[in-house]
Amino acid sequence: MFKISSLFILLFCFSVSNAQNSDIDLLKKINLNRNTGIESTMIGITNSTIPISIGTPIVIYAVGLIEKDSTTKKKAIFIGETLGASVFISLALKSITKRDRPYETYPEIDNVTVEDSYSFPSAHTSSAFATATSLSMAYPKWYVIAPTFLWAGAVGYSRMYLGVHYPTDVLAGAIVGSGSAFLCYKLNKWINKKRAPHKKKLWE
C-alpha cells in the first residue's frame, strides 16, 4: 500500500512539474520572442479592460433610462452583475492560490509592467471574458460576439506578452469570466421564474 501511494505521489508531482514546464515554456515563446513594435498597442489593450468592462453596463443602462426601456436596463444589470461576480471569484482564487508572478519566479521573463497582486487567475482576462460573454448573451448577434471576443482574447494575450501572467492564468481567467456570465444568467433566470412563472425569457 505504501509503495502504491508513493507511486501516485510521484506521478502527481511529475504531472504538475510537466504542466509547469509547459506553462513557462509557452510564456517564454510569447514574451521573449515578442514583437516590441506593438508593445504600446499591447499596453493599450491591457489598460482598456477596466474602462470597457465598467463602462459597458453603465452606457447600456443609460440608454435604457433615456429610452425608458426596461429590457435594456435588465441587460445592463446582468452585464454588471457578471463583471462583479468574475472580479469576486478572481480575487478569491488569487488569495487562495497565492501564485507568484512569472517574472518573480523566472528572472529571464521580460516583464513590461509590474503588478502588486498574485498571478492566478488573470483578473484582466476574467473581466474581459465576463464582459464579452454577458454582452454576447444579452445581444446574440455576430457583430457583437465577434469583436467582443476578439478583444477579450487580445486582453488575455497581452497579459502574457507583457510577461505578467502564465498561460494557465489566462486560461483560468477566461473560464472564470465566461463561467460567471452563465452562472449569473442561470441565477437571474431562476429568480425571474420564481417571481413570474409565465415568463420564459430573462429579458422579457
N, C-alpha and C. Protein backbone atom coordinates (compact mmCIF):
# COMPACT_ATOMS: atom_id res chain seq x y z
N MET A 1 0.83 -1.21 0.00
CA MET A 1 0.00 0.00 0.00
C MET A 1 0.87 1.26 0.00
N PHE A 2 1.93 1.22 0.77
CA PHE A 2 2.84 2.37 0.84
C PHE A 2 3.50 2.62 -0.51
N LYS A 3 3.86 1.52 -1.19
CA LYS A 3 4.51 1.65 -2.50
C LYS A 3 3.55 2.25 -3.52
N ILE A 4 2.29 1.81 -3.45
CA ILE A 4 1.28 2.32 -4.39
C ILE A 4 1.06 3.82 -4.14
N SER A 5 0.95 4.20 -2.87
CA SER A 5 0.75 5.61 -2.52
C SER A 5 1.93 6.46 -2.98
N SER A 6 3.13 5.93 -2.78
CA SER A 6 4.34 6.64 -3.19
C SER A 6 4.36 6.83 -4.70
N LEU A 7 3.91 5.80 -5.41
CA LEU A 7 3.88 5.86 -6.87
C LEU A 7 2.92 6.94 -7.35
N PHE A 8 1.73 6.99 -6.73
CA PHE A 8 0.74 8.01 -7.09
C PHE A 8 1.27 9.42 -6.81
N ILE A 9 1.94 9.58 -5.69
CA ILE A 9 2.52 10.88 -5.33
C ILE A 9 3.57 11.30 -6.34
N LEU A 10 4.43 10.35 -6.73
CA LEU A 10 5.47 10.64 -7.71
C LEU A 10 4.88 11.01 -9.06
N LEU A 11 3.84 10.26 -9.47
CA LEU A 11 3.18 10.55 -10.74
C LEU A 11 2.52 11.92 -10.72
N PHE A 12 1.90 12.26 -9.59
CA PHE A 12 1.26 13.56 -9.44
C PHE A 12 2.27 14.68 -9.54
N CYS A 13 3.36 14.53 -8.83
CA CYS A 13 4.43 15.54 -8.84
C CYS A 13 5.02 15.69 -10.23
N PHE A 14 5.17 14.56 -10.93
CA PHE A 14 5.72 14.58 -12.29
C PHE A 14 4.78 15.32 -13.23
N SER A 15 3.47 15.06 -13.07
CA SER A 15 2.47 15.72 -13.93
C SER A 15 2.46 17.22 -13.68
N VAL A 16 2.49 17.62 -12.39
CA VAL A 16 2.49 19.04 -12.06
C VAL A 16 3.75 19.71 -12.60
N SER A 17 4.89 19.01 -12.46
CA SER A 17 6.16 19.55 -12.95
C SER A 17 6.13 19.75 -14.45
N ASN A 18 5.59 18.76 -15.17
CA ASN A 18 5.49 18.86 -16.63
C ASN A 18 4.57 19.99 -17.04
N ALA A 19 3.44 20.12 -16.32
CA ALA A 19 2.49 21.19 -16.63
C ALA A 19 3.14 22.55 -16.41
N GLN A 20 3.89 22.68 -15.32
CA GLN A 20 4.58 23.94 -15.02
C GLN A 20 5.63 24.24 -16.07
N ASN A 21 6.34 23.21 -16.51
CA ASN A 21 7.36 23.39 -17.55
C ASN A 21 6.73 23.86 -18.86
N SER A 22 5.62 23.24 -19.22
CA SER A 22 4.92 23.62 -20.45
C SER A 22 4.41 25.05 -20.35
N ASP A 23 3.93 25.40 -19.15
CA ASP A 23 3.40 26.74 -18.89
C ASP A 23 4.46 27.81 -19.11
N ILE A 24 5.60 27.63 -18.48
CA ILE A 24 6.66 28.63 -18.59
C ILE A 24 7.30 28.61 -19.97
N ASP A 25 7.37 27.43 -20.59
CA ASP A 25 7.95 27.34 -21.94
C ASP A 25 7.11 28.14 -22.94
N LEU A 26 5.80 28.00 -22.85
CA LEU A 26 4.92 28.74 -23.75
C LEU A 26 5.00 30.24 -23.48
N LEU A 27 5.06 30.60 -22.21
CA LEU A 27 5.18 32.02 -21.87
C LEU A 27 6.47 32.61 -22.43
N LYS A 28 7.56 31.88 -22.34
CA LYS A 28 8.83 32.37 -22.85
C LYS A 28 8.76 32.59 -24.36
N LYS A 29 8.08 31.68 -25.07
CA LYS A 29 7.95 31.83 -26.51
C LYS A 29 7.17 33.10 -26.86
N ILE A 30 6.16 33.40 -26.07
CA ILE A 30 5.34 34.58 -26.32
C ILE A 30 6.06 35.85 -25.88
N ASN A 31 6.63 35.82 -24.69
CA ASN A 31 7.21 37.02 -24.08
C ASN A 31 8.59 37.37 -24.63
N LEU A 32 9.47 36.39 -24.70
CA LEU A 32 10.85 36.67 -25.10
C LEU A 32 11.02 36.85 -26.60
N ASN A 33 10.08 36.31 -27.39
CA ASN A 33 10.16 36.44 -28.85
C ASN A 33 9.13 37.43 -29.39
N ARG A 34 8.65 38.31 -28.51
CA ARG A 34 7.58 39.22 -28.91
C ARG A 34 8.09 40.31 -29.86
N ASN A 35 7.15 40.83 -30.61
CA ASN A 35 7.43 41.96 -31.49
C ASN A 35 7.32 43.24 -30.67
N THR A 36 8.44 43.84 -30.34
CA THR A 36 8.44 45.03 -29.48
C THR A 36 7.80 46.24 -30.15
N GLY A 37 7.60 46.15 -31.47
CA GLY A 37 6.99 47.26 -32.19
C GLY A 37 5.52 47.47 -31.83
N ILE A 38 4.89 46.43 -31.27
CA ILE A 38 3.47 46.57 -30.90
C ILE A 38 3.30 46.65 -29.37
N GLU A 39 4.39 46.95 -28.69
CA GLU A 39 4.35 47.00 -27.22
C GLU A 39 3.34 48.01 -26.69
N SER A 40 3.32 49.19 -27.27
CA SER A 40 2.38 50.22 -26.82
C SER A 40 0.94 49.80 -27.09
N THR A 41 0.72 49.07 -28.18
CA THR A 41 -0.62 48.57 -28.50
C THR A 41 -1.07 47.57 -27.45
N MET A 42 -0.16 46.67 -27.07
CA MET A 42 -0.49 45.66 -26.07
C MET A 42 -0.78 46.29 -24.70
N ILE A 43 -0.03 47.32 -24.37
CA ILE A 43 -0.27 48.03 -23.11
C ILE A 43 -1.65 48.70 -23.17
N GLY A 44 -1.96 49.27 -24.33
CA GLY A 44 -3.26 49.91 -24.51
C GLY A 44 -4.41 48.93 -24.39
N ILE A 45 -4.24 47.73 -24.96
CA ILE A 45 -5.28 46.70 -24.87
C ILE A 45 -5.48 46.28 -23.42
N THR A 46 -4.38 46.07 -22.71
CA THR A 46 -4.47 45.71 -21.29
C THR A 46 -5.18 46.80 -20.50
N ASN A 47 -4.79 48.05 -20.73
CA ASN A 47 -5.37 49.17 -19.99
C ASN A 47 -6.82 49.46 -20.36
N SER A 48 -7.29 48.89 -21.47
CA SER A 48 -8.67 49.12 -21.88
C SER A 48 -9.65 48.24 -21.09
N THR A 49 -9.14 47.24 -20.40
CA THR A 49 -10.00 46.26 -19.74
C THR A 49 -10.96 46.89 -18.73
N ILE A 50 -10.43 47.67 -17.82
CA ILE A 50 -11.26 48.24 -16.75
C ILE A 50 -12.28 49.23 -17.29
N PRO A 51 -11.86 50.23 -18.10
CA PRO A 51 -12.86 51.19 -18.59
C PRO A 51 -13.94 50.55 -19.46
N ILE A 52 -13.58 49.59 -20.29
CA ILE A 52 -14.59 48.95 -21.15
C ILE A 52 -15.51 48.06 -20.32
N SER A 53 -14.93 47.29 -19.40
CA SER A 53 -15.74 46.37 -18.59
C SER A 53 -16.72 47.12 -17.69
N ILE A 54 -16.27 48.22 -17.12
CA ILE A 54 -17.14 49.01 -16.25
C ILE A 54 -18.07 49.91 -17.06
N GLY A 55 -17.54 50.47 -18.14
CA GLY A 55 -18.31 51.39 -18.96
C GLY A 55 -19.45 50.76 -19.73
N THR A 56 -19.27 49.50 -20.15
CA THR A 56 -20.29 48.83 -20.97
C THR A 56 -21.66 48.77 -20.28
N PRO A 57 -21.77 48.21 -19.07
CA PRO A 57 -23.09 48.18 -18.43
C PRO A 57 -23.63 49.56 -18.09
N ILE A 58 -22.74 50.50 -17.77
CA ILE A 58 -23.18 51.86 -17.44
C ILE A 58 -23.81 52.53 -18.67
N VAL A 59 -23.14 52.41 -19.82
CA VAL A 59 -23.66 53.02 -21.05
C VAL A 59 -24.98 52.39 -21.46
N ILE A 60 -25.04 51.06 -21.39
CA ILE A 60 -26.27 50.37 -21.78
C ILE A 60 -27.43 50.74 -20.85
N TYR A 61 -27.13 50.86 -19.56
CA TYR A 61 -28.19 51.24 -18.61
C TYR A 61 -28.65 52.67 -18.87
N ALA A 62 -27.71 53.54 -19.21
CA ALA A 62 -28.05 54.93 -19.52
C ALA A 62 -28.97 54.99 -20.75
N VAL A 63 -28.67 54.16 -21.73
CA VAL A 63 -29.53 54.09 -22.92
C VAL A 63 -30.92 53.63 -22.53
N GLY A 64 -30.98 52.64 -21.64
CA GLY A 64 -32.26 52.13 -21.18
C GLY A 64 -33.07 53.20 -20.45
N LEU A 65 -32.38 54.03 -19.68
CA LEU A 65 -33.05 55.12 -18.97
C LEU A 65 -33.59 56.16 -19.94
N ILE A 66 -32.75 56.52 -20.90
CA ILE A 66 -33.14 57.54 -21.89
C ILE A 66 -34.34 57.07 -22.71
N GLU A 67 -34.28 55.80 -23.13
CA GLU A 67 -35.35 55.26 -23.97
C GLU A 67 -36.50 54.68 -23.15
N LYS A 68 -36.36 54.72 -21.81
CA LYS A 68 -37.36 54.15 -20.90
C LYS A 68 -37.66 52.70 -21.27
N ASP A 69 -36.57 51.95 -21.50
CA ASP A 69 -36.66 50.56 -21.93
C ASP A 69 -36.19 49.65 -20.79
N SER A 70 -37.13 48.98 -20.14
CA SER A 70 -36.79 48.12 -19.00
C SER A 70 -35.96 46.91 -19.42
N THR A 71 -36.16 46.43 -20.65
CA THR A 71 -35.39 45.28 -21.14
C THR A 71 -33.91 45.62 -21.26
N THR A 72 -33.62 46.79 -21.80
CA THR A 72 -32.24 47.24 -21.93
C THR A 72 -31.59 47.41 -20.56
N LYS A 73 -32.34 47.94 -19.61
CA LYS A 73 -31.81 48.11 -18.25
C LYS A 73 -31.52 46.76 -17.60
N LYS A 74 -32.38 45.77 -17.84
CA LYS A 74 -32.16 44.43 -17.30
C LYS A 74 -30.87 43.82 -17.87
N LYS A 75 -30.65 44.05 -19.15
CA LYS A 75 -29.44 43.53 -19.78
C LYS A 75 -28.20 44.20 -19.20
N ALA A 76 -28.28 45.49 -18.95
CA ALA A 76 -27.16 46.22 -18.37
C ALA A 76 -26.84 45.71 -16.97
N ILE A 77 -27.88 45.48 -16.18
CA ILE A 77 -27.69 44.96 -14.82
C ILE A 77 -27.05 43.59 -14.85
N PHE A 78 -27.49 42.75 -15.78
CA PHE A 78 -26.93 41.40 -15.94
C PHE A 78 -25.44 41.47 -16.27
N ILE A 79 -25.06 42.36 -17.18
CA ILE A 79 -23.66 42.52 -17.57
C ILE A 79 -22.84 43.01 -16.38
N GLY A 80 -23.39 43.96 -15.61
CA GLY A 80 -22.72 44.46 -14.42
C GLY A 80 -22.56 43.40 -13.35
N GLU A 81 -23.61 42.60 -13.16
CA GLU A 81 -23.55 41.50 -12.17
C GLU A 81 -22.47 40.49 -12.55
N THR A 82 -22.39 40.19 -13.83
CA THR A 82 -21.38 39.24 -14.30
C THR A 82 -19.98 39.73 -14.02
N LEU A 83 -19.73 41.01 -14.28
CA LEU A 83 -18.43 41.59 -14.00
C LEU A 83 -18.11 41.50 -12.51
N GLY A 84 -19.09 41.86 -11.68
CA GLY A 84 -18.89 41.79 -10.23
C GLY A 84 -18.57 40.38 -9.76
N ALA A 85 -19.28 39.40 -10.30
CA ALA A 85 -19.05 38.00 -9.92
C ALA A 85 -17.66 37.54 -10.34
N SER A 86 -17.25 37.91 -11.54
CA SER A 86 -15.93 37.49 -12.03
C SER A 86 -14.80 38.10 -11.22
N VAL A 87 -14.95 39.37 -10.84
CA VAL A 87 -13.94 40.03 -10.03
C VAL A 87 -13.85 39.38 -8.65
N PHE A 88 -15.00 39.10 -8.06
CA PHE A 88 -15.02 38.47 -6.73
C PHE A 88 -14.36 37.09 -6.77
N ILE A 89 -14.71 36.28 -7.75
CA ILE A 89 -14.15 34.92 -7.86
C ILE A 89 -12.65 34.99 -8.12
N SER A 90 -12.23 35.90 -9.00
CA SER A 90 -10.80 36.04 -9.33
C SER A 90 -9.99 36.43 -8.10
N LEU A 91 -10.48 37.41 -7.35
CA LEU A 91 -9.76 37.86 -6.16
C LEU A 91 -9.71 36.77 -5.10
N ALA A 92 -10.80 36.01 -4.98
CA ALA A 92 -10.84 34.91 -4.02
C ALA A 92 -9.81 33.84 -4.39
N LEU A 93 -9.74 33.50 -5.67
CA LEU A 93 -8.79 32.49 -6.12
C LEU A 93 -7.35 32.96 -5.95
N LYS A 94 -7.12 34.26 -6.20
CA LYS A 94 -5.77 34.81 -6.01
C LYS A 94 -5.32 34.65 -4.57
N SER A 95 -6.22 34.96 -3.63
CA SER A 95 -5.86 34.89 -2.21
C SER A 95 -5.69 33.46 -1.73
N ILE A 96 -6.34 32.51 -2.42
CA ILE A 96 -6.22 31.10 -2.05
C ILE A 96 -4.95 30.49 -2.62
N THR A 97 -4.72 30.71 -3.92
CA THR A 97 -3.57 30.06 -4.59
C THR A 97 -2.25 30.77 -4.29
N LYS A 98 -2.29 32.10 -4.20
CA LYS A 98 -1.10 32.91 -3.91
C LYS A 98 0.08 32.55 -4.83
N ARG A 99 -0.20 32.49 -6.11
CA ARG A 99 0.84 32.17 -7.10
C ARG A 99 1.62 33.43 -7.45
N ASP A 100 2.92 33.35 -7.38
CA ASP A 100 3.76 34.49 -7.71
C ASP A 100 3.72 34.79 -9.20
N ARG A 101 3.97 36.03 -9.55
CA ARG A 101 4.04 36.42 -10.95
C ARG A 101 5.21 35.69 -11.61
N PRO A 102 5.08 35.40 -12.90
CA PRO A 102 6.15 34.66 -13.58
C PRO A 102 7.51 35.33 -13.53
N TYR A 103 7.54 36.67 -13.62
CA TYR A 103 8.83 37.38 -13.60
C TYR A 103 9.49 37.34 -12.22
N GLU A 104 8.69 37.03 -11.18
CA GLU A 104 9.25 36.90 -9.85
C GLU A 104 9.94 35.55 -9.66
N THR A 105 9.40 34.54 -10.33
CA THR A 105 9.97 33.19 -10.23
C THR A 105 11.04 32.96 -11.28
N TYR A 106 10.84 33.53 -12.47
CA TYR A 106 11.79 33.36 -13.57
C TYR A 106 12.31 34.73 -14.00
N PRO A 107 13.49 35.11 -13.51
CA PRO A 107 14.07 36.43 -13.80
C PRO A 107 14.27 36.72 -15.29
N GLU A 108 14.35 35.65 -16.09
CA GLU A 108 14.57 35.86 -17.52
C GLU A 108 13.33 36.42 -18.23
N ILE A 109 12.17 36.31 -17.60
CA ILE A 109 10.95 36.87 -18.19
C ILE A 109 11.06 38.39 -18.21
N ASP A 110 10.85 38.97 -19.38
CA ASP A 110 10.99 40.41 -19.57
C ASP A 110 9.63 41.09 -19.38
N ASN A 111 9.30 41.37 -18.12
CA ASN A 111 8.01 42.00 -17.85
C ASN A 111 8.05 43.49 -18.16
N VAL A 112 7.04 43.94 -18.90
CA VAL A 112 6.96 45.33 -19.30
C VAL A 112 6.35 46.18 -18.18
N THR A 113 5.44 45.57 -17.43
CA THR A 113 4.81 46.25 -16.30
C THR A 113 5.02 45.44 -15.03
N VAL A 114 4.74 46.06 -13.90
CA VAL A 114 4.85 45.39 -12.60
C VAL A 114 3.48 45.38 -11.94
N GLU A 115 3.09 44.22 -11.41
CA GLU A 115 1.79 44.09 -10.75
C GLU A 115 2.00 43.82 -9.26
N ASP A 116 1.07 44.29 -8.44
CA ASP A 116 1.22 44.12 -7.00
C ASP A 116 0.28 43.07 -6.41
N SER A 117 -0.34 42.26 -7.27
CA SER A 117 -1.23 41.20 -6.79
C SER A 117 -0.70 39.85 -7.24
N TYR A 118 -1.35 38.78 -6.79
CA TYR A 118 -0.92 37.44 -7.19
C TYR A 118 -1.31 37.16 -8.63
N SER A 119 -0.77 36.07 -9.16
CA SER A 119 -0.86 35.80 -10.59
C SER A 119 -2.10 35.01 -11.04
N PHE A 120 -2.53 34.04 -10.26
CA PHE A 120 -3.59 33.11 -10.69
C PHE A 120 -4.92 33.42 -10.02
N PRO A 121 -5.98 33.61 -10.84
CA PRO A 121 -6.03 33.69 -12.30
C PRO A 121 -5.83 35.14 -12.76
N SER A 122 -5.85 35.35 -14.07
CA SER A 122 -5.70 36.70 -14.61
C SER A 122 -7.03 37.44 -14.47
N ALA A 123 -7.06 38.44 -13.60
CA ALA A 123 -8.29 39.20 -13.37
C ALA A 123 -8.66 40.05 -14.59
N HIS A 124 -7.65 40.54 -15.31
CA HIS A 124 -7.91 41.30 -16.53
C HIS A 124 -8.64 40.42 -17.55
N THR A 125 -8.13 39.21 -17.73
CA THR A 125 -8.75 38.27 -18.68
C THR A 125 -10.14 37.89 -18.22
N SER A 126 -10.29 37.66 -16.92
CA SER A 126 -11.59 37.31 -16.36
C SER A 126 -12.62 38.40 -16.62
N SER A 127 -12.24 39.64 -16.37
CA SER A 127 -13.15 40.77 -16.58
C SER A 127 -13.51 40.93 -18.06
N ALA A 128 -12.51 40.76 -18.92
CA ALA A 128 -12.75 40.90 -20.36
C ALA A 128 -13.70 39.83 -20.87
N PHE A 129 -13.48 38.59 -20.45
CA PHE A 129 -14.35 37.50 -20.91
C PHE A 129 -15.72 37.56 -20.26
N ALA A 130 -15.80 38.07 -19.04
CA ALA A 130 -17.10 38.27 -18.40
C ALA A 130 -17.93 39.26 -19.20
N THR A 131 -17.28 40.35 -19.61
CA THR A 131 -17.96 41.37 -20.40
C THR A 131 -18.35 40.84 -21.78
N ALA A 132 -17.41 40.16 -22.44
CA ALA A 132 -17.66 39.64 -23.78
C ALA A 132 -18.78 38.60 -23.77
N THR A 133 -18.75 37.69 -22.80
CA THR A 133 -19.74 36.62 -22.76
C THR A 133 -21.12 37.15 -22.40
N SER A 134 -21.20 37.98 -21.36
CA SER A 134 -22.51 38.51 -20.96
C SER A 134 -23.11 39.43 -22.02
N LEU A 135 -22.26 40.23 -22.67
CA LEU A 135 -22.74 41.11 -23.73
C LEU A 135 -23.24 40.30 -24.92
N SER A 136 -22.55 39.21 -25.23
CA SER A 136 -22.94 38.33 -26.34
C SER A 136 -24.23 37.58 -26.02
N MET A 137 -24.42 37.26 -24.74
CA MET A 137 -25.67 36.59 -24.34
C MET A 137 -26.84 37.55 -24.37
N ALA A 138 -26.57 38.80 -23.99
CA ALA A 138 -27.64 39.81 -23.99
C ALA A 138 -27.99 40.25 -25.41
N TYR A 139 -26.97 40.31 -26.27
CA TYR A 139 -27.15 40.71 -27.67
C TYR A 139 -26.50 39.67 -28.59
N PRO A 140 -27.14 38.55 -28.81
CA PRO A 140 -26.54 37.44 -29.57
C PRO A 140 -26.50 37.67 -31.08
N LYS A 141 -25.75 38.66 -31.48
CA LYS A 141 -25.56 38.97 -32.89
C LYS A 141 -24.08 38.82 -33.23
N TRP A 142 -23.78 38.39 -34.44
CA TRP A 142 -22.38 38.14 -34.81
C TRP A 142 -21.53 39.40 -34.70
N TYR A 143 -22.13 40.56 -35.00
CA TYR A 143 -21.36 41.81 -34.95
C TYR A 143 -21.13 42.29 -33.51
N VAL A 144 -21.74 41.61 -32.55
CA VAL A 144 -21.45 41.86 -31.14
C VAL A 144 -20.48 40.80 -30.64
N ILE A 145 -20.77 39.54 -30.95
CA ILE A 145 -19.97 38.41 -30.48
C ILE A 145 -18.54 38.45 -30.99
N ALA A 146 -18.36 38.64 -32.30
CA ALA A 146 -17.02 38.59 -32.92
C ALA A 146 -16.06 39.64 -32.34
N PRO A 147 -16.42 40.92 -32.36
CA PRO A 147 -15.46 41.92 -31.85
C PRO A 147 -15.22 41.83 -30.35
N THR A 148 -16.26 41.48 -29.58
CA THR A 148 -16.07 41.43 -28.12
C THR A 148 -15.14 40.29 -27.71
N PHE A 149 -15.29 39.13 -28.35
CA PHE A 149 -14.42 38.01 -28.00
C PHE A 149 -13.02 38.20 -28.59
N LEU A 150 -12.93 38.90 -29.72
CA LEU A 150 -11.62 39.23 -30.28
C LEU A 150 -10.88 40.14 -29.30
N TRP A 151 -11.59 41.10 -28.74
CA TRP A 151 -11.00 42.00 -27.74
C TRP A 151 -10.60 41.24 -26.48
N ALA A 152 -11.48 40.38 -26.00
CA ALA A 152 -11.19 39.61 -24.78
C ALA A 152 -9.97 38.71 -24.99
N GLY A 153 -9.89 38.07 -26.16
CA GLY A 153 -8.73 37.24 -26.46
C GLY A 153 -7.46 38.05 -26.53
N ALA A 154 -7.56 39.26 -27.08
CA ALA A 154 -6.39 40.15 -27.17
C ALA A 154 -5.93 40.57 -25.78
N VAL A 155 -6.87 40.79 -24.86
CA VAL A 155 -6.52 41.14 -23.49
C VAL A 155 -5.73 40.00 -22.85
N GLY A 156 -6.23 38.77 -23.03
CA GLY A 156 -5.53 37.61 -22.48
C GLY A 156 -4.13 37.47 -23.04
N TYR A 157 -3.99 37.65 -24.35
CA TYR A 157 -2.68 37.54 -24.99
C TYR A 157 -1.75 38.65 -24.49
N SER A 158 -2.29 39.85 -24.31
CA SER A 158 -1.46 40.97 -23.87
C SER A 158 -0.86 40.73 -22.49
N ARG A 159 -1.58 39.99 -21.65
CA ARG A 159 -1.07 39.71 -20.30
C ARG A 159 0.16 38.80 -20.35
N MET A 160 0.18 37.90 -21.32
CA MET A 160 1.36 37.03 -21.50
C MET A 160 2.46 37.78 -22.23
N TYR A 161 2.08 38.56 -23.22
CA TYR A 161 3.03 39.37 -23.97
C TYR A 161 3.82 40.27 -23.04
N LEU A 162 3.11 40.88 -22.08
CA LEU A 162 3.75 41.81 -21.13
C LEU A 162 4.51 41.08 -20.02
N GLY A 163 4.41 39.77 -19.98
CA GLY A 163 5.17 38.97 -19.02
C GLY A 163 4.63 38.94 -17.61
N VAL A 164 3.34 39.26 -17.44
CA VAL A 164 2.79 39.32 -16.08
C VAL A 164 1.89 38.13 -15.73
N HIS A 165 1.64 37.26 -16.70
CA HIS A 165 0.80 36.09 -16.43
C HIS A 165 1.27 34.86 -17.19
N TYR A 166 1.09 33.71 -16.56
CA TYR A 166 1.31 32.43 -17.23
C TYR A 166 0.12 32.14 -18.14
N PRO A 167 0.30 31.27 -19.15
CA PRO A 167 -0.84 30.88 -19.99
C PRO A 167 -1.99 30.28 -19.18
N THR A 168 -1.67 29.49 -18.13
CA THR A 168 -2.73 28.90 -17.32
C THR A 168 -3.50 29.96 -16.52
N ASP A 169 -2.83 31.06 -16.18
CA ASP A 169 -3.53 32.17 -15.52
C ASP A 169 -4.59 32.74 -16.45
N VAL A 170 -4.19 32.91 -17.70
CA VAL A 170 -5.09 33.49 -18.71
C VAL A 170 -6.24 32.54 -19.01
N LEU A 171 -5.92 31.25 -19.15
CA LEU A 171 -6.97 30.26 -19.42
C LEU A 171 -7.97 30.22 -18.28
N ALA A 172 -7.47 30.22 -17.05
CA ALA A 172 -8.35 30.21 -15.89
C ALA A 172 -9.20 31.47 -15.84
N GLY A 173 -8.60 32.62 -16.19
CA GLY A 173 -9.33 33.87 -16.21
C GLY A 173 -10.47 33.84 -17.22
N ALA A 174 -10.21 33.26 -18.39
CA ALA A 174 -11.25 33.15 -19.42
C ALA A 174 -12.39 32.26 -18.94
N ILE A 175 -12.05 31.18 -18.26
CA ILE A 175 -13.07 30.26 -17.74
C ILE A 175 -13.89 30.93 -16.65
N VAL A 176 -13.22 31.63 -15.74
CA VAL A 176 -13.92 32.33 -14.66
C VAL A 176 -14.85 33.40 -15.23
N GLY A 177 -14.36 34.17 -16.18
CA GLY A 177 -15.17 35.23 -16.77
C GLY A 177 -16.40 34.70 -17.50
N SER A 178 -16.19 33.73 -18.38
CA SER A 178 -17.31 33.15 -19.13
C SER A 178 -18.25 32.40 -18.19
N GLY A 179 -17.66 31.67 -17.24
CA GLY A 179 -18.49 30.93 -16.28
C GLY A 179 -19.35 31.84 -15.43
N SER A 180 -18.82 33.01 -15.08
CA SER A 180 -19.58 33.98 -14.28
C SER A 180 -20.82 34.45 -15.04
N ALA A 181 -20.66 34.62 -16.35
CA ALA A 181 -21.79 35.06 -17.17
C ALA A 181 -22.90 34.00 -17.18
N PHE A 182 -22.52 32.75 -17.38
CA PHE A 182 -23.51 31.67 -17.41
C PHE A 182 -24.15 31.48 -16.03
N LEU A 183 -23.34 31.61 -14.98
CA LEU A 183 -23.85 31.47 -13.62
C LEU A 183 -24.86 32.57 -13.30
N CYS A 184 -24.53 33.80 -13.64
CA CYS A 184 -25.44 34.92 -13.39
C CYS A 184 -26.70 34.81 -14.22
N TYR A 185 -26.56 34.34 -15.45
CA TYR A 185 -27.73 34.17 -16.32
C TYR A 185 -28.70 33.15 -15.73
N LYS A 186 -28.15 31.99 -15.31
CA LYS A 186 -28.98 30.93 -14.75
C LYS A 186 -29.63 31.39 -13.45
N LEU A 187 -28.87 32.09 -12.62
CA LEU A 187 -29.39 32.57 -11.35
C LEU A 187 -30.51 33.59 -11.56
N ASN A 188 -30.29 34.52 -12.48
CA ASN A 188 -31.31 35.51 -12.79
C ASN A 188 -32.56 34.88 -13.39
N LYS A 189 -32.34 33.88 -14.22
CA LYS A 189 -33.47 33.18 -14.85
C LYS A 189 -34.29 32.45 -13.80
N TRP A 190 -33.59 31.84 -12.83
CA TRP A 190 -34.28 31.13 -11.76
C TRP A 190 -35.08 32.09 -10.89
N ILE A 191 -34.47 33.24 -10.54
CA ILE A 191 -35.16 34.25 -9.74
C ILE A 191 -36.35 34.82 -10.50
N ASN A 192 -36.15 35.06 -11.79
CA ASN A 192 -37.20 35.60 -12.65
C ASN A 192 -38.38 34.63 -12.74
N LYS A 193 -38.04 33.33 -12.81
CA LYS A 193 -39.08 32.30 -12.91
C LYS A 193 -39.88 32.21 -11.63
N LYS A 194 -39.21 32.39 -10.49
CA LYS A 194 -39.89 32.35 -9.19
C LYS A 194 -40.86 33.52 -9.05
N ARG A 195 -40.43 34.67 -9.57
CA ARG A 195 -41.27 35.87 -9.45
C ARG A 195 -42.41 35.86 -10.45
N ALA A 196 -42.11 35.40 -11.68
CA ALA A 196 -43.12 35.40 -12.74
C ALA A 196 -43.01 34.10 -13.53
N PRO A 197 -43.66 33.02 -13.08
CA PRO A 197 -43.55 31.69 -13.71
C PRO A 197 -43.93 31.65 -15.18
N HIS A 198 -44.79 32.58 -15.63
CA HIS A 198 -45.26 32.57 -17.01
C HIS A 198 -44.21 33.09 -17.99
N LYS A 199 -43.19 33.79 -17.47
CA LYS A 199 -42.16 34.35 -18.35
C LYS A 199 -41.09 33.30 -18.62
N LYS A 200 -40.79 33.08 -19.88
CA LYS A 200 -39.80 32.06 -20.27
C LYS A 200 -38.40 32.64 -20.45
N LYS A 201 -38.34 33.91 -20.84
CA LYS A 201 -37.04 34.52 -21.12
C LYS A 201 -36.68 35.57 -20.08
N LEU A 202 -35.40 35.68 -19.82
CA LEU A 202 -34.92 36.62 -18.80
C LEU A 202 -35.18 38.06 -19.21
N TRP A 203 -35.07 38.35 -20.51
CA TRP A 203 -35.16 39.75 -20.96
C TRP A 203 -36.60 40.24 -21.16
N GLU A 204 -37.58 39.36 -21.03
CA GLU A 204 -38.96 39.79 -21.27
C GLU A 204 -39.54 40.56 -20.08
